[in-house]
Amino acid sequence: MEYKVLTDDDLKFFRKTIGEKNVLTSQIETYASDSTERLKFFPEVVLKPDSTEKVSKIVAHCYRELIPITPRGAGTGLTGGSLAIKGGVLISLEKLNKLIEIDKKNFQVKVEAGVINYKLQEALAEKNLFYPPDPSSWQSSFIGGNISTNAGGIKAVKYGVTSHYVLNLEVVLPNGEIIWTGANTLKNSTGLNLTQLFTGSEGTLGIITKAVLKVLPKHIQDVSLLVPFRNASEACEAVSAIFHAGIQPAAMEFMEKKAIDATVDFMGGSSIEIEEDTEAHLLISLDENIETELKTCVDTVSNFNIGEILFAENPIEKERIWQIRRKVSEVVKRNGYTIEEDTVVPRANLSKLVERMHELADKHRFKVVCYGHAGDGNLHVRINHPLHKNSYNVPEIQFILKELFEIVKDLDGTISGEHGIGLIQKPYLPVVFSQTNLELQKTIKKAIDPKNIMNPGKIFKF
C-alpha cells in the first residue's frame, strides 16, 4: 500500500491540534527503537497528545490522508511492536498518564494508558490493594502497552495475565471514533467481547487511551525461597511436582546458573552464594497458608538433587533475590544474548524444552540461556549468535528460529506467551496457525482498519 508522505500542511494541523512543543520532527532517536534486538526505524514525526480527544483528531486526520500510525507506550517491547517501520506518525501516549480513580468499594481502578505499572502498584498499595500483572519492565512500562501485548509477569502463574483484569477500554478506532468496549462490571455477556479483542491486539486495531481494571486486596505476608538444582531438567520437573503437592505459588521462576551469575556480577556482587555444581534455580514465592505451603514445598523439592535453599522473609531479603530475576533480561542482552524468544509450553514439557533448546544451540553453534515463568510454562530463550545480533531479515537466524518454533509446536506449545508478535515474530505464525485461522484474523483487522493505517506491518502480512 502507498502511504502518504507528510507535508507541511499535515505538520501545521498537528501543531494546531496539540501545540508546537508536542510535535517533534528532530531529536527523535529515542523513539526510533524499543527493547527489541538492535533495530531502529525513524518515524517522520512524533506526536505527544495529552487527551483522548486530541488522539482522536490526529487519528481521524491520518485516516483521511492515508498516513500510517504507530502507537507507542514506554518502548519496552521485545518484538518491535512500537517501531515505525512505515515512517509516518508515531503517537506517544506518555502524556496520558493520569490515575483517574481508585474505586476501593468495587475493587476497580480507572487509568489513562500512559500510567506506569509501578506507579499504579504504589498508589494501590497505599490503599491495601493489589494489581497482579507485573512484567519485568514494570518500573517503566505503561499500562496501555501491557494491555496491548496482554503482558503477564512474575505473578501470572497464580493470578493470571493482564486480560484477566481488564474490564473496559476506551479506544480510538482507526477512523478517529472513540468507543468504550464493554462495561465496568465483573460479568458481561452482552454482545461480542470487544474488550478482549483489543487486549493483546498490539495497536493494530486502535489506540487504547483509558482502561478500567479489576484489582485485589493486598496480601499481608509472603515468603520467597531460592532453590538451587544440580540438574536443570530436575528443576523443570520439580515445577509439576510442586503443583501436584497441592501448592499454588504466587510466583515460580526458572533461571539457569549462567543467567544468575551474569546478573550478580552486573549488580556488583551479592551475598547470595551460588555453588559451582548448580545448573539452575527455582525462585518461588508463597503468599497464602504460608507455614503449611512452605513446609510442603521444601519437602517436595528435597526429593530432587538440590543445594542449600535460601529463604527470604523480610522485605530486604526478598528484594535482594527478586531484583536478580528482574534484571536478568537486561543483563544477558548486554552480554550478547540479543535475540529473545518468548516460548510457552505445557509446564510438564518444560524439561524437554530446555533440553531441546540446548541441543539446537549445539547443532547451530550458538550460545543459549533460558529463564522465565516456569510455573506457567513460559520460558524465555535468549540466543547469542557469533555472527548475528538481530533476527529481523537475517535468513540464517530465521531458519534457526523456525526450527526452534517447530520444536515448541511439537511440545504442544506456542511462540509467544506474553511479548506478542509485533514485527519480528510474524513470519512464524504459520508454524502454529492454520491458513484458515490466519485469514480469519486478517478479516477482523480489515473490517476494523480497512485502510491498514494502524500499526501497519505488525502481526499480519498483507
Protein backbone atom coordinates (compact mmCIF):
# COMPACT_ATOMS: atom_id res chain seq x y z
CA MET A 1 0.00 0.00 0.00
CA GLU A 2 1.20 3.50 -0.84
CA TYR A 3 1.07 5.72 2.21
CA LYS A 4 1.21 9.49 2.06
CA VAL A 5 4.47 11.26 2.89
CA LEU A 6 3.85 14.01 5.44
CA THR A 7 3.52 17.55 4.13
CA ASP A 8 3.83 20.95 5.77
CA ASP A 9 0.04 21.12 5.90
CA ASP A 10 -0.06 17.89 7.95
CA LEU A 11 2.51 19.26 10.40
CA LYS A 12 0.55 22.53 10.69
CA PHE A 13 -2.57 20.52 11.54
CA PHE A 14 -0.73 18.56 14.23
CA ARG A 15 0.77 21.71 15.75
CA LYS A 16 -2.62 23.39 15.84
CA THR A 17 -4.19 20.31 17.45
CA ILE A 18 -1.66 19.54 20.21
CA GLY A 19 0.72 22.51 20.36
CA GLU A 20 4.11 23.00 18.72
CA LYS A 21 6.13 21.63 21.65
CA ASN A 22 4.31 18.30 21.32
CA VAL A 23 5.22 17.86 17.63
CA LEU A 24 8.77 16.53 17.16
CA THR A 25 10.48 16.19 13.80
CA SER A 26 14.06 16.18 15.04
CA GLN A 27 15.94 14.69 18.01
CA ILE A 28 13.63 11.70 17.92
CA GLU A 29 16.19 8.91 18.07
CA THR A 30 14.75 7.68 21.38
CA TYR A 31 11.51 6.91 19.54
CA ALA A 32 13.24 5.07 16.69
CA SER A 33 13.96 1.97 18.76
CA ASP A 34 12.47 -0.07 21.58
CA SER A 35 13.91 -3.00 23.54
CA THR A 36 13.89 -5.31 20.51
CA GLU A 37 17.31 -6.56 19.48
CA ARG A 38 19.20 -3.64 17.88
CA LEU A 39 16.61 -2.39 15.41
CA LYS A 40 15.99 1.25 14.52
CA PHE A 41 13.21 2.82 12.39
CA PHE A 42 12.57 6.56 12.36
CA PRO A 43 9.05 7.99 12.12
CA GLU A 44 8.53 11.21 10.17
CA VAL A 45 7.06 12.90 13.22
CA VAL A 46 6.49 12.10 16.91
CA LEU A 47 3.27 13.43 18.44
CA LYS A 48 2.54 13.70 22.17
CA PRO A 49 -1.18 14.32 22.72
CA ASP A 50 -2.42 14.72 26.29
CA SER A 51 -6.07 13.70 25.88
CA THR A 52 -8.21 11.11 24.14
CA GLU A 53 -9.91 13.85 22.14
CA LYS A 54 -6.58 15.01 20.71
CA VAL A 55 -5.61 11.44 19.86
CA SER A 56 -8.95 11.14 18.06
CA LYS A 57 -8.35 14.27 15.96
CA ILE A 58 -4.86 13.08 14.96
CA VAL A 59 -6.10 9.60 14.02
CA ALA A 60 -9.07 10.95 12.03
CA HIS A 61 -6.70 13.19 10.05
CA CYS A 62 -4.34 10.29 9.33
CA TYR A 63 -7.28 8.14 8.24
CA ARG A 64 -8.44 10.78 5.75
CA GLU A 65 -4.92 11.36 4.43
CA LEU A 66 -3.75 7.72 4.44
CA ILE A 67 -0.88 8.32 6.89
CA PRO A 68 0.43 5.29 8.83
CA ILE A 69 0.25 5.46 12.63
CA THR A 70 2.48 3.70 15.16
CA PRO A 71 1.12 3.84 18.75
CA ARG A 72 3.85 3.80 21.39
CA GLY A 73 3.95 3.28 25.12
CA ALA A 74 7.22 3.24 27.06
CA GLY A 75 9.19 1.41 24.36
CA THR A 76 9.91 -1.64 26.50
CA GLY A 77 8.52 -4.13 23.97
CA LEU A 78 10.62 -7.03 22.70
CA THR A 79 9.03 -7.77 19.31
CA GLY A 80 9.27 -4.40 17.55
CA GLY A 81 5.62 -3.57 18.14
CA SER A 82 6.24 0.16 18.61
CA LEU A 83 8.72 0.64 15.76
CA ALA A 84 7.59 2.98 12.96
CA ILE A 85 8.59 0.66 10.12
CA LYS A 86 6.40 2.57 7.64
CA GLY A 87 7.54 6.04 8.75
CA GLY A 88 4.53 8.29 9.17
CA VAL A 89 3.22 9.34 12.57
CA LEU A 90 4.31 7.89 15.90
CA ILE A 91 1.82 8.70 18.66
CA SER A 92 3.44 8.58 22.08
CA LEU A 93 0.99 8.11 24.95
CA GLU A 94 3.44 9.34 27.60
CA LYS A 95 1.27 12.39 28.44
CA LEU A 96 -1.87 10.34 29.02
CA ASN A 97 -0.56 9.47 32.47
CA LYS A 98 -3.40 10.18 34.90
CA LEU A 99 -4.55 7.72 37.50
CA ILE A 100 -8.16 8.84 37.28
CA GLU A 101 -9.87 6.94 40.10
CA ILE A 102 -9.32 4.18 42.63
CA ASP A 103 -12.72 2.71 43.45
CA LYS A 104 -11.91 0.78 46.61
CA LYS A 105 -15.53 -0.30 47.21
CA ASN A 106 -15.73 -2.06 43.86
CA PHE A 107 -12.05 -3.10 43.68
CA GLN A 108 -11.55 -1.21 40.44
CA VAL A 109 -9.18 1.43 39.12
CA LYS A 110 -9.55 3.74 36.12
CA VAL A 111 -6.32 4.86 34.44
CA GLU A 112 -5.03 6.50 31.30
CA ALA A 113 -2.86 4.38 29.03
CA GLY A 114 0.40 6.15 29.91
CA VAL A 115 0.33 5.30 33.63
CA ILE A 116 3.44 3.33 34.59
CA ASN A 117 2.71 -0.10 36.03
CA TYR A 118 4.93 0.51 39.07
CA LYS A 119 3.27 3.87 39.83
CA LEU A 120 -0.11 2.18 39.77
CA GLN A 121 1.19 -0.51 42.12
CA GLU A 122 2.48 2.14 44.54
CA ALA A 123 -0.82 4.03 44.59
CA LEU A 124 -2.82 0.86 45.15
CA ALA A 125 -0.53 -0.36 47.94
CA GLU A 126 -1.34 2.77 49.94
CA LYS A 127 -4.96 1.58 49.97
CA ASN A 128 -4.05 -2.06 50.64
CA LEU A 129 -4.94 -3.03 47.08
CA PHE A 130 -3.00 -5.02 44.53
CA TYR A 131 -2.83 -5.23 40.70
CA PRO A 132 -1.22 -8.60 39.88
CA PRO A 133 0.23 -8.22 36.33
CA ASP A 134 3.86 -7.19 36.85
CA PRO A 135 6.10 -7.73 33.81
CA SER A 136 9.86 -7.43 34.30
CA SER A 137 9.62 -3.94 32.79
CA TRP A 138 7.05 -2.87 35.41
CA GLN A 139 9.15 0.06 36.65
CA SER A 140 8.89 1.75 33.25
CA SER A 141 6.25 0.03 31.08
CA PHE A 142 2.87 1.68 30.56
CA ILE A 143 -0.46 0.06 31.38
CA GLY A 144 -1.59 0.70 27.80
CA GLY A 145 1.38 -1.23 26.46
CA ASN A 146 0.77 -4.03 28.97
CA ILE A 147 -2.81 -4.31 27.71
CA SER A 148 -1.79 -4.13 24.06
CA THR A 149 0.52 -7.14 24.45
CA ASN A 150 -1.55 -8.90 27.14
CA ALA A 151 1.51 -8.82 29.39
CA GLY A 152 1.99 -11.45 32.04
CA GLY A 153 4.71 -11.23 34.63
CA ILE A 154 6.04 -12.98 37.65
CA LYS A 155 2.68 -13.49 39.39
CA ALA A 156 0.80 -14.77 36.33
CA VAL A 157 1.13 -18.38 37.49
CA LYS A 158 -1.37 -17.74 40.29
CA TYR A 159 -3.18 -14.56 39.36
CA GLY A 160 -3.31 -14.67 35.57
CA VAL A 161 -2.26 -12.22 32.86
CA THR A 162 -3.45 -8.71 32.01
CA SER A 163 -6.58 -9.88 30.17
CA HIS A 164 -7.93 -11.31 33.44
CA TYR A 165 -8.06 -7.79 34.91
CA VAL A 166 -9.29 -5.64 32.02
CA LEU A 167 -12.98 -4.81 32.46
CA ASN A 168 -13.43 -1.98 29.97
CA LEU A 169 -11.34 0.02 27.49
CA GLU A 170 -11.61 3.41 25.88
CA VAL A 171 -10.30 3.01 22.33
CA VAL A 172 -9.73 5.40 19.45
CA LEU A 173 -10.62 3.47 16.30
CA PRO A 174 -8.64 3.84 13.05
CA ASN A 175 -11.17 6.36 11.69
CA GLY A 176 -10.87 8.52 14.82
CA GLU A 177 -14.10 7.46 16.52
CA ILE A 178 -13.98 6.86 20.28
CA ILE A 179 -15.68 3.86 21.87
CA TRP A 180 -15.82 2.05 25.20
CA THR A 181 -15.55 -1.67 24.59
CA GLY A 182 -17.52 -3.11 27.49
CA ALA A 183 -18.80 -2.33 30.98
CA ASN A 184 -17.31 -1.70 34.42
CA THR A 185 -18.71 -4.96 35.73
CA LEU A 186 -17.22 -8.29 36.75
CA LYS A 187 -19.59 -10.18 34.46
CA ASN A 188 -20.62 -9.14 30.97
CA SER A 189 -22.30 -11.36 28.39
CA THR A 190 -23.65 -8.51 26.29
CA GLY A 191 -22.66 -9.00 22.67
CA LEU A 192 -19.21 -9.86 21.36
CA ASN A 193 -16.33 -9.35 23.78
CA LEU A 194 -14.59 -6.36 22.20
CA THR A 195 -12.61 -5.73 25.39
CA GLN A 196 -10.74 -8.99 24.99
CA LEU A 197 -10.40 -8.45 21.23
CA PHE A 198 -8.49 -5.20 21.75
CA THR A 199 -6.48 -6.66 24.64
CA GLY A 200 -3.41 -8.18 23.05
CA SER A 201 -4.05 -6.61 19.63
CA GLU A 202 -0.74 -4.69 19.78
CA GLY A 203 -2.14 -1.40 18.48
CA THR A 204 -3.24 -2.92 15.17
CA LEU A 205 -6.97 -2.33 15.73
CA GLY A 206 -6.97 1.01 17.55
CA ILE A 207 -5.29 3.05 20.26
CA ILE A 208 -6.17 2.28 23.88
CA THR A 209 -6.41 5.56 25.81
CA LYS A 210 -8.11 4.56 29.09
CA ALA A 211 -8.77 1.34 30.98
CA VAL A 212 -10.91 0.15 33.86
CA LEU A 213 -9.06 -2.61 35.68
CA LYS A 214 -10.01 -5.09 38.38
CA VAL A 215 -7.78 -5.07 41.48
CA LEU A 216 -7.49 -7.35 44.52
CA PRO A 217 -6.92 -6.99 48.26
CA LYS A 218 -3.20 -6.85 49.03
CA HIS A 219 -1.69 -9.85 50.82
CA ILE A 220 -0.26 -9.02 54.21
CA GLN A 221 2.51 -11.60 54.22
CA ASP A 222 4.59 -13.62 51.78
CA VAL A 223 7.84 -15.56 51.69
CA SER A 224 10.30 -16.32 48.90
CA LEU A 225 12.77 -19.16 48.53
CA LEU A 226 15.60 -19.70 46.06
CA VAL A 227 16.19 -23.39 45.38
CA PRO A 228 19.43 -24.45 43.61
CA PHE A 229 19.24 -27.61 41.47
CA ARG A 230 22.28 -29.56 40.36
CA ASN A 231 20.38 -30.63 37.25
CA ALA A 232 18.36 -28.18 35.12
CA SER A 233 15.93 -30.86 33.96
CA GLU A 234 15.15 -31.72 37.57
CA ALA A 235 14.40 -28.07 38.27
CA CYS A 236 11.81 -28.20 35.49
CA GLU A 237 10.39 -31.49 36.75
CA ALA A 238 10.06 -30.02 40.24
CA VAL A 239 7.61 -27.44 38.89
CA SER A 240 4.89 -30.01 38.24
CA ALA A 241 5.76 -31.84 41.46
CA ILE A 242 5.10 -28.68 43.48
CA PHE A 243 1.64 -28.28 41.94
CA HIS A 244 0.87 -31.97 42.44
CA ALA A 245 1.71 -31.46 46.12
CA GLY A 246 -1.27 -29.07 46.31
CA ILE A 247 0.72 -25.82 46.37
CA GLN A 248 -0.37 -22.75 44.41
CA PRO A 249 2.69 -20.48 44.34
CA ALA A 250 2.26 -16.76 43.80
CA ALA A 251 5.35 -16.92 41.56
CA MET A 252 7.68 -19.63 40.31
CA GLU A 253 10.65 -18.59 38.17
CA PHE A 254 13.31 -20.71 36.45
CA MET A 255 16.83 -19.36 35.91
CA GLU A 256 19.84 -21.16 34.54
CA LYS A 257 23.00 -20.65 36.56
CA LYS A 258 24.83 -18.56 33.96
CA ALA A 259 21.93 -16.10 33.90
CA ILE A 260 22.15 -15.63 37.67
CA ASP A 261 25.96 -15.45 37.61
CA ALA A 262 25.92 -12.70 34.97
CA THR A 263 23.26 -10.72 36.81
CA VAL A 264 25.02 -10.93 40.17
CA ASP A 265 28.25 -9.74 38.55
CA PHE A 266 26.44 -6.85 36.86
CA MET A 267 24.88 -5.79 40.16
CA GLY A 268 28.30 -5.60 41.79
CA GLY A 269 28.19 -8.89 43.60
CA SER A 270 25.76 -10.35 46.09
CA SER A 271 25.75 -12.10 49.42
CA ILE A 272 23.96 -14.98 47.65
CA GLU A 273 26.42 -17.83 47.24
CA ILE A 274 25.91 -19.96 44.14
CA GLU A 275 27.51 -23.37 44.27
CA GLU A 276 29.64 -24.38 41.27
CA ASP A 277 27.74 -27.61 40.61
CA THR A 278 24.39 -25.79 40.35
CA GLU A 279 22.77 -25.82 36.89
CA ALA A 280 19.56 -23.92 37.58
CA HIS A 281 17.40 -22.29 40.25
CA LEU A 282 13.73 -22.08 41.03
CA LEU A 283 12.68 -18.83 42.68
CA ILE A 284 9.36 -19.41 44.44
CA SER A 285 7.00 -17.03 46.24
CA LEU A 286 4.18 -18.13 48.55
CA ASP A 287 1.52 -15.75 49.85
CA GLU A 288 -1.23 -17.93 51.41
CA ASN A 289 -1.19 -20.63 54.09
CA ILE A 290 2.50 -19.86 54.26
CA GLU A 291 3.55 -22.13 57.09
CA THR A 292 1.86 -25.20 55.60
CA GLU A 293 2.78 -24.50 51.98
CA LEU A 294 6.39 -23.66 52.83
CA LYS A 295 6.86 -27.00 54.60
CA THR A 296 5.22 -28.90 51.74
CA CYS A 297 7.28 -27.03 49.16
CA VAL A 298 10.57 -27.76 50.94
CA ASP A 299 9.63 -31.42 51.37
CA THR A 300 8.79 -31.65 47.66
CA VAL A 301 11.96 -30.08 46.26
CA SER A 302 14.05 -32.08 48.72
CA ASN A 303 13.19 -35.17 46.67
CA PHE A 304 15.46 -33.76 43.95
CA ASN A 305 19.21 -33.20 43.88
CA ILE A 306 19.33 -29.69 45.34
CA GLY A 307 21.76 -27.49 47.21
CA GLU A 308 21.07 -25.27 50.22
CA ILE A 309 17.76 -23.40 49.99
CA LEU A 310 17.85 -19.65 50.57
CA PHE A 311 14.81 -18.31 52.46
CA ALA A 312 13.78 -14.65 52.20
CA GLU A 313 11.15 -13.45 54.65
CA ASN A 314 11.85 -9.77 55.29
CA PRO A 315 11.49 -7.07 52.59
CA ILE A 316 15.23 -6.52 52.17
CA GLU A 317 15.98 -10.21 51.64
CA LYS A 318 13.06 -10.60 49.20
CA GLU A 319 14.07 -7.52 47.23
CA ARG A 320 17.63 -8.84 47.02
CA ILE A 321 16.70 -12.08 45.28
CA TRP A 322 13.82 -10.77 43.17
CA GLN A 323 15.98 -7.94 41.87
CA ILE A 324 18.23 -10.59 40.33
CA ARG A 325 15.29 -12.09 38.44
CA ARG A 326 14.02 -8.73 37.23
CA LYS A 327 17.47 -7.74 35.95
CA VAL A 328 18.21 -10.98 34.08
CA SER A 329 16.82 -9.91 30.70
CA GLU A 330 18.73 -6.63 30.68
CA VAL A 331 21.98 -8.26 31.74
CA VAL A 332 22.04 -11.19 29.34
CA LYS A 333 21.24 -8.81 26.48
CA ARG A 334 24.26 -6.70 27.47
CA ASN A 335 26.31 -9.90 27.42
CA GLY A 336 25.48 -10.57 23.77
CA TYR A 337 22.26 -12.60 24.09
CA THR A 338 20.38 -10.10 21.93
CA ILE A 339 17.79 -12.38 20.32
CA GLU A 340 14.96 -13.31 22.70
CA GLU A 341 12.13 -15.75 22.11
CA ASP A 342 9.06 -15.92 24.33
CA THR A 343 8.10 -19.58 24.13
CA VAL A 344 5.40 -21.27 26.17
CA VAL A 345 4.61 -24.98 26.58
CA PRO A 346 2.54 -27.06 29.00
CA ARG A 347 4.65 -26.95 32.15
CA ALA A 348 5.11 -30.73 32.18
CA ASN A 349 7.09 -30.27 28.95
CA LEU A 350 9.48 -27.64 30.33
CA SER A 351 12.39 -30.02 30.84
CA LYS A 352 12.08 -31.26 27.24
CA LEU A 353 12.01 -27.66 26.02
CA VAL A 354 15.21 -26.74 27.91
CA GLU A 355 16.98 -29.88 26.71
CA ARG A 356 15.98 -29.36 23.08
CA MET A 357 16.96 -25.68 23.13
CA HIS A 358 20.48 -26.64 24.17
CA GLU A 359 20.58 -29.38 21.53
CA LEU A 360 19.55 -26.78 18.95
CA ALA A 361 22.29 -24.42 20.15
CA ASP A 362 24.92 -27.15 19.85
CA LYS A 363 23.67 -28.05 16.38
CA HIS A 364 23.85 -24.48 15.03
CA ARG A 365 26.82 -23.36 17.15
CA PHE A 366 25.35 -20.51 19.14
CA LYS A 367 25.04 -19.90 22.87
CA VAL A 368 21.71 -20.05 24.65
CA VAL A 369 20.44 -19.19 28.10
CA CYS A 370 16.97 -19.97 29.43
CA TYR A 371 14.92 -18.35 32.19
CA GLY A 372 11.33 -17.36 32.79
CA HIS A 373 7.98 -18.14 34.29
CA ALA A 374 8.30 -21.85 34.95
CA GLY A 375 5.02 -22.03 36.83
CA ASP A 376 3.01 -21.34 33.68
CA GLY A 377 5.39 -22.94 31.19
CA ASN A 378 6.58 -19.61 29.75
CA LEU A 379 10.31 -19.86 29.04
CA HIS A 380 12.39 -17.01 27.62
CA VAL A 381 15.07 -18.36 25.30
CA ARG A 382 17.97 -15.94 24.76
CA ILE A 383 20.35 -16.52 21.84
CA ASN A 384 23.90 -15.25 21.46
CA HIS A 385 24.96 -15.90 17.87
CA PRO A 386 28.63 -15.34 16.97
CA LEU A 387 27.77 -13.60 13.67
CA HIS A 388 24.30 -12.07 14.00
CA LYS A 389 22.83 -9.90 16.76
CA ASN A 390 19.42 -9.40 15.10
CA SER A 391 16.92 -11.91 13.76
CA TYR A 392 14.96 -9.46 11.61
CA ASN A 393 15.65 -10.09 7.89
CA VAL A 394 18.57 -12.42 8.68
CA PRO A 395 17.93 -15.71 6.79
CA GLU A 396 20.34 -17.81 8.88
CA ILE A 397 18.68 -16.77 12.16
CA GLN A 398 15.18 -17.06 10.71
CA PHE A 399 15.97 -20.66 9.70
CA ILE A 400 17.08 -21.39 13.28
CA LEU A 401 14.02 -19.72 14.79
CA LYS A 402 11.64 -21.63 12.54
CA GLU A 403 13.25 -24.84 13.78
CA LEU A 404 13.01 -23.58 17.36
CA PHE A 405 9.30 -22.83 17.00
CA GLU A 406 8.66 -26.19 15.36
CA ILE A 407 10.13 -27.77 18.50
CA VAL A 408 7.79 -25.65 20.62
CA LYS A 409 4.82 -26.66 18.47
CA ASP A 410 5.85 -30.31 18.76
CA LEU A 411 5.74 -29.89 22.55
CA ASP A 412 2.14 -28.59 22.31
CA GLY A 413 3.25 -25.01 22.87
CA THR A 414 3.09 -21.70 21.04
CA ILE A 415 5.50 -18.96 20.01
CA SER A 416 4.57 -16.14 22.40
CA GLY A 417 3.36 -16.22 25.97
CA GLU A 418 3.38 -12.51 26.80
CA HIS A 419 5.55 -10.44 24.44
CA GLY A 420 3.24 -10.58 21.44
CA ILE A 421 4.06 -10.94 17.74
CA GLY A 422 4.88 -7.42 16.59
CA LEU A 423 7.37 -7.18 13.74
CA ILE A 424 9.89 -9.94 14.26
CA GLN A 425 7.62 -12.88 15.14
CA LYS A 426 5.07 -12.58 12.34
CA PRO A 427 6.96 -14.82 9.84
CA TYR A 428 6.46 -17.74 12.23
CA LEU A 429 2.69 -17.56 12.74
CA PRO A 430 2.11 -20.28 10.10
CA VAL A 431 4.04 -22.66 12.37
CA VAL A 432 1.23 -22.53 14.94
CA PHE A 433 -1.85 -21.35 12.97
CA SER A 434 -3.64 -22.85 10.00
CA GLN A 435 -4.20 -20.71 6.91
CA THR A 436 -7.91 -20.53 7.76
CA ASN A 437 -7.10 -19.20 11.23
CA LEU A 438 -4.73 -16.57 9.83
CA GLU A 439 -7.23 -15.43 7.20
CA LEU A 440 -9.91 -15.06 9.86
CA GLN A 441 -7.62 -12.82 11.93
CA LYS A 442 -6.80 -10.73 8.84
CA THR A 443 -10.52 -10.37 8.09
CA ILE A 444 -11.09 -8.90 11.55
CA LYS A 445 -8.17 -6.49 11.05
CA LYS A 446 -9.51 -5.36 7.65
CA ALA A 447 -13.03 -4.86 9.00
CA ILE A 448 -11.85 -2.53 11.76
CA ASP A 449 -8.96 -0.90 9.88
CA PRO A 450 -9.80 -1.10 6.15
CA LYS A 451 -7.05 1.37 5.17
CA ASN A 452 -4.43 -0.52 7.24
CA ILE A 453 -3.07 2.64 8.86
CA MET A 454 -2.98 1.36 12.44
CA ASN A 455 0.44 -0.06 13.29
CA PRO A 456 0.88 -1.47 9.78
CA GLY A 457 3.38 -4.25 9.25
CA LYS A 458 2.82 -5.76 12.69
CA ILE A 459 1.38 -9.26 13.34
CA PHE A 460 -0.25 -9.56 9.92
CA LYS A 461 1.27 -9.96 6.45
CA PHE A 462 -0.69 -8.00 3.80
